[in-house]
Amino acid sequence: MVTGMVVAGAAGLMSGPKAAAAAALGAVAIVLGSLLLARALVGGGVHSATGALGRLLLGMVGKWVLVAAVFVLAIGILKLPVLPLIAGLAAAVVASMVAAARAS
């Protein structure tokens, strides 16, 4: 989330408040999607390997459906610029991958 907010601040300084809002929304979409995925993975207790794989797939589909819905909202309804939205999303994805790699 911090990385996304840094990107949002940079976008705001370079292109204005709409770009900052778009970048922040892109980062928030990934954070909320990751929380949805985590909830799907750990909610409900211990299951078989097949059940765990099903929960993983369900969580990933849910995550990307949520991200797509935020993109539709941001671009179609709020008319925010696309490039800062993608930059915020990309920054949050890279930060989460780095955090996951450091944790293992």
N, C-alpha and C. Protein backbone atom coordinates (compact mmCIF):
# COMPACT_ATOMS: atom_id res chain seq x y z
N MET A 1 0.83 -1.18 0.00
CA MET A 1 0.00 0.00 0.00
C MET A 1 0.88 1.25 0.00
N VAL A 2 1.97 1.20 0.74
CA VAL A 2 2.86 2.35 0.82
C VAL A 2 3.45 2.66 -0.54
N THR A 3 3.86 1.64 -1.26
CA THR A 3 4.42 1.84 -2.59
C THR A 3 3.40 2.48 -3.52
N GLY A 4 2.17 2.03 -3.45
CA GLY A 4 1.10 2.61 -4.26
C GLY A 4 0.87 4.07 -3.94
N MET A 5 0.96 4.41 -2.66
CA MET A 5 0.75 5.81 -2.28
C MET A 5 1.92 6.69 -2.73
N VAL A 6 3.13 6.13 -2.76
CA VAL A 6 4.27 6.88 -3.28
C VAL A 6 4.07 7.15 -4.77
N VAL A 7 3.60 6.13 -5.50
CA VAL A 7 3.32 6.31 -6.93
C VAL A 7 2.20 7.33 -7.12
N ALA A 8 1.18 7.27 -6.26
CA ALA A 8 0.07 8.23 -6.34
C ALA A 8 0.57 9.65 -6.09
N GLY A 9 1.46 9.82 -5.13
CA GLY A 9 2.02 11.14 -4.88
C GLY A 9 2.83 11.65 -6.06
N ALA A 10 3.62 10.78 -6.65
CA ALA A 10 4.41 11.18 -7.82
C ALA A 10 3.50 11.52 -9.00
N ALA A 11 2.45 10.72 -9.19
CA ALA A 11 1.51 11.00 -10.28
C ALA A 11 0.79 12.31 -10.03
N GLY A 12 0.46 12.58 -8.79
CA GLY A 12 -0.20 13.84 -8.45
C GLY A 12 0.68 15.04 -8.70
N LEU A 13 1.96 14.91 -8.38
CA LEU A 13 2.89 16.01 -8.62
C LEU A 13 3.10 16.25 -10.11
N MET A 14 3.11 15.17 -10.89
CA MET A 14 3.38 15.32 -12.31
C MET A 14 2.14 15.67 -13.12
N SER A 15 0.98 15.12 -12.76
CA SER A 15 -0.19 15.27 -13.62
C SER A 15 -1.45 15.78 -12.94
N GLY A 16 -1.43 15.97 -11.65
CA GLY A 16 -2.59 16.52 -10.99
C GLY A 16 -3.36 15.53 -10.13
N PRO A 17 -4.43 16.01 -9.52
CA PRO A 17 -5.17 15.19 -8.55
C PRO A 17 -5.91 13.99 -9.16
N LYS A 18 -6.38 14.10 -10.40
CA LYS A 18 -7.06 12.95 -11.01
C LYS A 18 -6.08 11.80 -11.23
N ALA A 19 -4.85 12.12 -11.61
CA ALA A 19 -3.84 11.07 -11.79
C ALA A 19 -3.47 10.45 -10.45
N ALA A 20 -3.38 11.26 -9.41
CA ALA A 20 -3.09 10.74 -8.08
C ALA A 20 -4.19 9.81 -7.60
N ALA A 21 -5.44 10.20 -7.83
CA ALA A 21 -6.57 9.35 -7.43
C ALA A 21 -6.56 8.04 -8.21
N ALA A 22 -6.23 8.11 -9.49
CA ALA A 22 -6.20 6.90 -10.31
C ALA A 22 -5.11 5.94 -9.82
N ALA A 23 -3.92 6.46 -9.54
CA ALA A 23 -2.83 5.61 -9.06
C ALA A 23 -3.17 5.00 -7.70
N ALA A 24 -3.74 5.79 -6.83
CA ALA A 24 -4.13 5.27 -5.51
C ALA A 24 -5.20 4.19 -5.65
N LEU A 25 -6.15 4.40 -6.54
CA LEU A 25 -7.21 3.42 -6.75
C LEU A 25 -6.66 2.11 -7.33
N GLY A 26 -5.67 2.22 -8.20
CA GLY A 26 -5.03 1.01 -8.73
C GLY A 26 -4.35 0.20 -7.64
N ALA A 27 -3.66 0.89 -6.73
CA ALA A 27 -3.00 0.21 -5.62
C ALA A 27 -4.02 -0.38 -4.65
N VAL A 28 -5.07 0.36 -4.38
CA VAL A 28 -6.10 -0.12 -3.46
C VAL A 28 -6.79 -1.36 -4.03
N ALA A 29 -6.97 -1.40 -5.34
CA ALA A 29 -7.60 -2.58 -5.97
C ALA A 29 -6.78 -3.84 -5.71
N ILE A 30 -5.46 -3.73 -5.83
CA ILE A 30 -4.60 -4.90 -5.59
C ILE A 30 -4.61 -5.28 -4.11
N VAL A 31 -4.56 -4.30 -3.23
CA VAL A 31 -4.57 -4.59 -1.79
C VAL A 31 -5.88 -5.28 -1.39
N LEU A 32 -7.01 -4.75 -1.85
CA LEU A 32 -8.30 -5.37 -1.52
C LEU A 32 -8.42 -6.75 -2.14
N GLY A 33 -7.94 -6.90 -3.37
CA GLY A 33 -7.96 -8.21 -4.01
C GLY A 33 -7.10 -9.22 -3.28
N SER A 34 -5.96 -8.79 -2.79
CA SER A 34 -5.08 -9.69 -2.02
C SER A 34 -5.72 -10.07 -0.70
N LEU A 35 -6.42 -9.14 -0.07
CA LEU A 35 -7.14 -9.47 1.16
C LEU A 35 -8.24 -10.48 0.88
N LEU A 36 -8.94 -10.33 -0.24
CA LEU A 36 -9.97 -11.29 -0.63
C LEU A 36 -9.36 -12.67 -0.85
N LEU A 37 -8.22 -12.71 -1.53
CA LEU A 37 -7.53 -13.97 -1.76
C LEU A 37 -7.10 -14.61 -0.45
N ALA A 38 -6.52 -13.84 0.45
CA ALA A 38 -6.09 -14.37 1.73
C ALA A 38 -7.26 -14.91 2.54
N ARG A 39 -8.36 -14.19 2.49
CA ARG A 39 -9.57 -14.64 3.20
C ARG A 39 -10.07 -15.97 2.64
N ALA A 40 -10.02 -16.12 1.33
CA ALA A 40 -10.45 -17.37 0.71
C ALA A 40 -9.51 -18.52 1.08
N LEU A 41 -8.22 -18.23 1.21
CA LEU A 41 -7.25 -19.28 1.50
C LEU A 41 -7.30 -19.76 2.94
N VAL A 42 -7.42 -18.85 3.89
CA VAL A 42 -7.32 -19.25 5.30
C VAL A 42 -8.68 -19.39 5.98
N GLY A 43 -9.72 -18.89 5.36
CA GLY A 43 -11.05 -19.02 5.96
C GLY A 43 -11.59 -20.42 5.80
N GLY A 44 -12.19 -20.96 6.83
CA GLY A 44 -12.84 -22.26 6.70
C GLY A 44 -12.05 -23.44 7.20
N GLY A 45 -10.88 -23.23 7.75
CA GLY A 45 -10.15 -24.33 8.36
C GLY A 45 -9.33 -25.16 7.39
N VAL A 46 -9.00 -26.38 7.83
CA VAL A 46 -8.11 -27.28 7.10
C VAL A 46 -8.94 -28.17 6.17
N HIS A 47 -8.46 -28.30 4.92
CA HIS A 47 -9.14 -29.14 3.94
C HIS A 47 -8.11 -30.01 3.23
N SER A 48 -8.59 -30.87 2.36
CA SER A 48 -7.70 -31.71 1.56
C SER A 48 -6.95 -30.85 0.55
N ALA A 49 -6.01 -31.48 -0.14
CA ALA A 49 -5.24 -30.75 -1.16
C ALA A 49 -6.15 -30.25 -2.27
N THR A 50 -7.13 -31.05 -2.66
CA THR A 50 -8.07 -30.64 -3.70
C THR A 50 -8.87 -29.43 -3.24
N GLY A 51 -9.31 -29.46 -1.99
CA GLY A 51 -10.05 -28.33 -1.44
C GLY A 51 -9.20 -27.08 -1.36
N ALA A 52 -7.93 -27.25 -0.98
CA ALA A 52 -7.03 -26.09 -0.90
C ALA A 52 -6.78 -25.49 -2.28
N LEU A 53 -6.63 -26.35 -3.27
CA LEU A 53 -6.42 -25.86 -4.64
C LEU A 53 -7.67 -25.14 -5.14
N GLY A 54 -8.82 -25.68 -4.83
CA GLY A 54 -10.07 -25.03 -5.21
C GLY A 54 -10.22 -23.67 -4.57
N ARG A 55 -9.85 -23.56 -3.29
CA ARG A 55 -9.92 -22.28 -2.60
C ARG A 55 -8.93 -21.29 -3.19
N LEU A 56 -7.73 -21.77 -3.57
CA LEU A 56 -6.75 -20.90 -4.21
C LEU A 56 -7.28 -20.37 -5.54
N LEU A 57 -7.84 -21.24 -6.36
CA LEU A 57 -8.38 -20.80 -7.65
C LEU A 57 -9.55 -19.85 -7.46
N LEU A 58 -10.43 -20.16 -6.53
CA LEU A 58 -11.56 -19.28 -6.26
C LEU A 58 -11.08 -17.91 -5.78
N GLY A 59 -10.08 -17.89 -4.92
CA GLY A 59 -9.54 -16.63 -4.43
C GLY A 59 -8.88 -15.81 -5.52
N MET A 60 -8.13 -16.47 -6.41
CA MET A 60 -7.47 -15.75 -7.50
C MET A 60 -8.49 -15.18 -8.48
N VAL A 61 -9.51 -15.96 -8.79
CA VAL A 61 -10.56 -15.46 -9.68
C VAL A 61 -11.26 -14.27 -9.04
N GLY A 62 -11.56 -14.40 -7.76
CA GLY A 62 -12.20 -13.29 -7.04
C GLY A 62 -11.34 -12.04 -7.02
N LYS A 63 -10.04 -12.23 -6.83
CA LYS A 63 -9.12 -11.10 -6.79
C LYS A 63 -9.14 -10.35 -8.12
N TRP A 64 -9.03 -11.06 -9.23
CA TRP A 64 -8.94 -10.39 -10.51
C TRP A 64 -10.28 -9.87 -10.99
N VAL A 65 -11.37 -10.48 -10.55
CA VAL A 65 -12.70 -9.91 -10.84
C VAL A 65 -12.86 -8.59 -10.10
N LEU A 66 -12.40 -8.54 -8.85
CA LEU A 66 -12.45 -7.29 -8.09
C LEU A 66 -11.60 -6.21 -8.75
N VAL A 67 -10.39 -6.57 -9.19
CA VAL A 67 -9.52 -5.60 -9.86
C VAL A 67 -10.18 -5.11 -11.15
N ALA A 68 -10.78 -6.01 -11.92
CA ALA A 68 -11.45 -5.61 -13.16
C ALA A 68 -12.63 -4.68 -12.86
N ALA A 69 -13.37 -4.96 -11.81
CA ALA A 69 -14.50 -4.11 -11.44
C ALA A 69 -14.03 -2.72 -11.05
N VAL A 70 -12.92 -2.63 -10.33
CA VAL A 70 -12.37 -1.32 -9.96
C VAL A 70 -11.91 -0.58 -11.22
N PHE A 71 -11.32 -1.29 -12.17
CA PHE A 71 -10.90 -0.64 -13.42
C PHE A 71 -12.10 -0.11 -14.19
N VAL A 72 -13.17 -0.89 -14.27
CA VAL A 72 -14.39 -0.43 -14.95
C VAL A 72 -14.95 0.80 -14.26
N LEU A 73 -14.98 0.76 -12.94
CA LEU A 73 -15.45 1.91 -12.16
C LEU A 73 -14.58 3.14 -12.41
N ALA A 74 -13.27 2.96 -12.34
CA ALA A 74 -12.35 4.09 -12.47
C ALA A 74 -12.35 4.69 -13.87
N ILE A 75 -12.35 3.84 -14.88
CA ILE A 75 -12.25 4.33 -16.25
C ILE A 75 -13.62 4.72 -16.80
N GLY A 76 -14.59 3.85 -16.62
CA GLY A 76 -15.88 4.08 -17.22
C GLY A 76 -16.76 5.08 -16.51
N ILE A 77 -16.77 5.05 -15.19
CA ILE A 77 -17.68 5.90 -14.43
C ILE A 77 -16.99 7.16 -13.92
N LEU A 78 -15.82 6.99 -13.30
CA LEU A 78 -15.12 8.15 -12.73
C LEU A 78 -14.28 8.92 -13.74
N LYS A 79 -14.06 8.32 -14.92
CA LYS A 79 -13.28 8.95 -16.00
C LYS A 79 -11.86 9.34 -15.56
N LEU A 80 -11.22 8.44 -14.82
CA LEU A 80 -9.84 8.69 -14.38
C LEU A 80 -8.87 8.26 -15.47
N PRO A 81 -7.67 8.85 -15.51
CA PRO A 81 -6.69 8.48 -16.53
C PRO A 81 -6.19 7.05 -16.34
N VAL A 82 -5.94 6.37 -17.45
CA VAL A 82 -5.61 4.95 -17.43
C VAL A 82 -4.16 4.70 -17.00
N LEU A 83 -3.22 5.46 -17.51
CA LEU A 83 -1.81 5.19 -17.24
C LEU A 83 -1.48 5.26 -15.74
N PRO A 84 -1.90 6.28 -15.00
CA PRO A 84 -1.63 6.26 -13.56
C PRO A 84 -2.32 5.11 -12.84
N LEU A 85 -3.49 4.72 -13.32
CA LEU A 85 -4.21 3.59 -12.73
C LEU A 85 -3.38 2.32 -12.87
N ILE A 86 -2.84 2.10 -14.06
CA ILE A 86 -2.01 0.92 -14.30
C ILE A 86 -0.70 1.02 -13.52
N ALA A 87 -0.15 2.23 -13.41
CA ALA A 87 1.10 2.41 -12.65
C ALA A 87 0.90 2.07 -11.18
N GLY A 88 -0.21 2.51 -10.59
CA GLY A 88 -0.49 2.18 -9.20
C GLY A 88 -0.69 0.69 -9.00
N LEU A 89 -1.39 0.07 -9.93
CA LEU A 89 -1.60 -1.37 -9.88
C LEU A 89 -0.27 -2.11 -9.99
N ALA A 90 0.55 -1.73 -10.96
CA ALA A 90 1.84 -2.40 -11.17
C ALA A 90 2.75 -2.23 -9.96
N ALA A 91 2.78 -1.05 -9.37
CA ALA A 91 3.62 -0.82 -8.20
C ALA A 91 3.18 -1.70 -7.04
N ALA A 92 1.88 -1.83 -6.85
CA ALA A 92 1.38 -2.67 -5.75
C ALA A 92 1.66 -4.14 -6.00
N VAL A 93 1.55 -4.59 -7.25
CA VAL A 93 1.84 -5.99 -7.58
C VAL A 93 3.31 -6.29 -7.35
N VAL A 94 4.19 -5.42 -7.82
CA VAL A 94 5.64 -5.63 -7.64
C VAL A 94 5.99 -5.62 -6.16
N ALA A 95 5.43 -4.68 -5.40
CA ALA A 95 5.71 -4.62 -3.97
C ALA A 95 5.24 -5.89 -3.26
N SER A 96 4.09 -6.42 -3.65
CA SER A 96 3.59 -7.63 -3.00
C SER A 96 4.45 -8.84 -3.38
N MET A 97 4.95 -8.89 -4.62
CA MET A 97 5.83 -9.98 -5.00
C MET A 97 7.15 -9.92 -4.25
N VAL A 98 7.68 -8.71 -4.09
CA VAL A 98 8.93 -8.55 -3.33
C VAL A 98 8.72 -8.95 -1.87
N ALA A 99 7.61 -8.54 -1.30
CA ALA A 99 7.31 -8.90 0.09
C ALA A 99 7.15 -10.40 0.25
N ALA A 100 6.50 -11.05 -0.72
CA ALA A 100 6.32 -12.50 -0.66
C ALA A 100 7.67 -13.23 -0.80
N ALA A 101 8.52 -12.71 -1.66
CA ALA A 101 9.84 -13.34 -1.86
C ALA A 101 10.70 -13.18 -0.61
N ARG A 102 10.60 -12.05 0.05
CA ARG A 102 11.39 -11.83 1.27
C ARG A 102 10.88 -12.67 2.42
N ALA A 103 9.58 -12.96 2.44
CA ALA A 103 8.99 -13.71 3.54
C ALA A 103 9.33 -15.20 3.47
N SER A 104 9.64 -15.69 2.28
CA SER A 104 9.89 -17.13 2.17
C SER A 104 11.35 -17.48 2.24
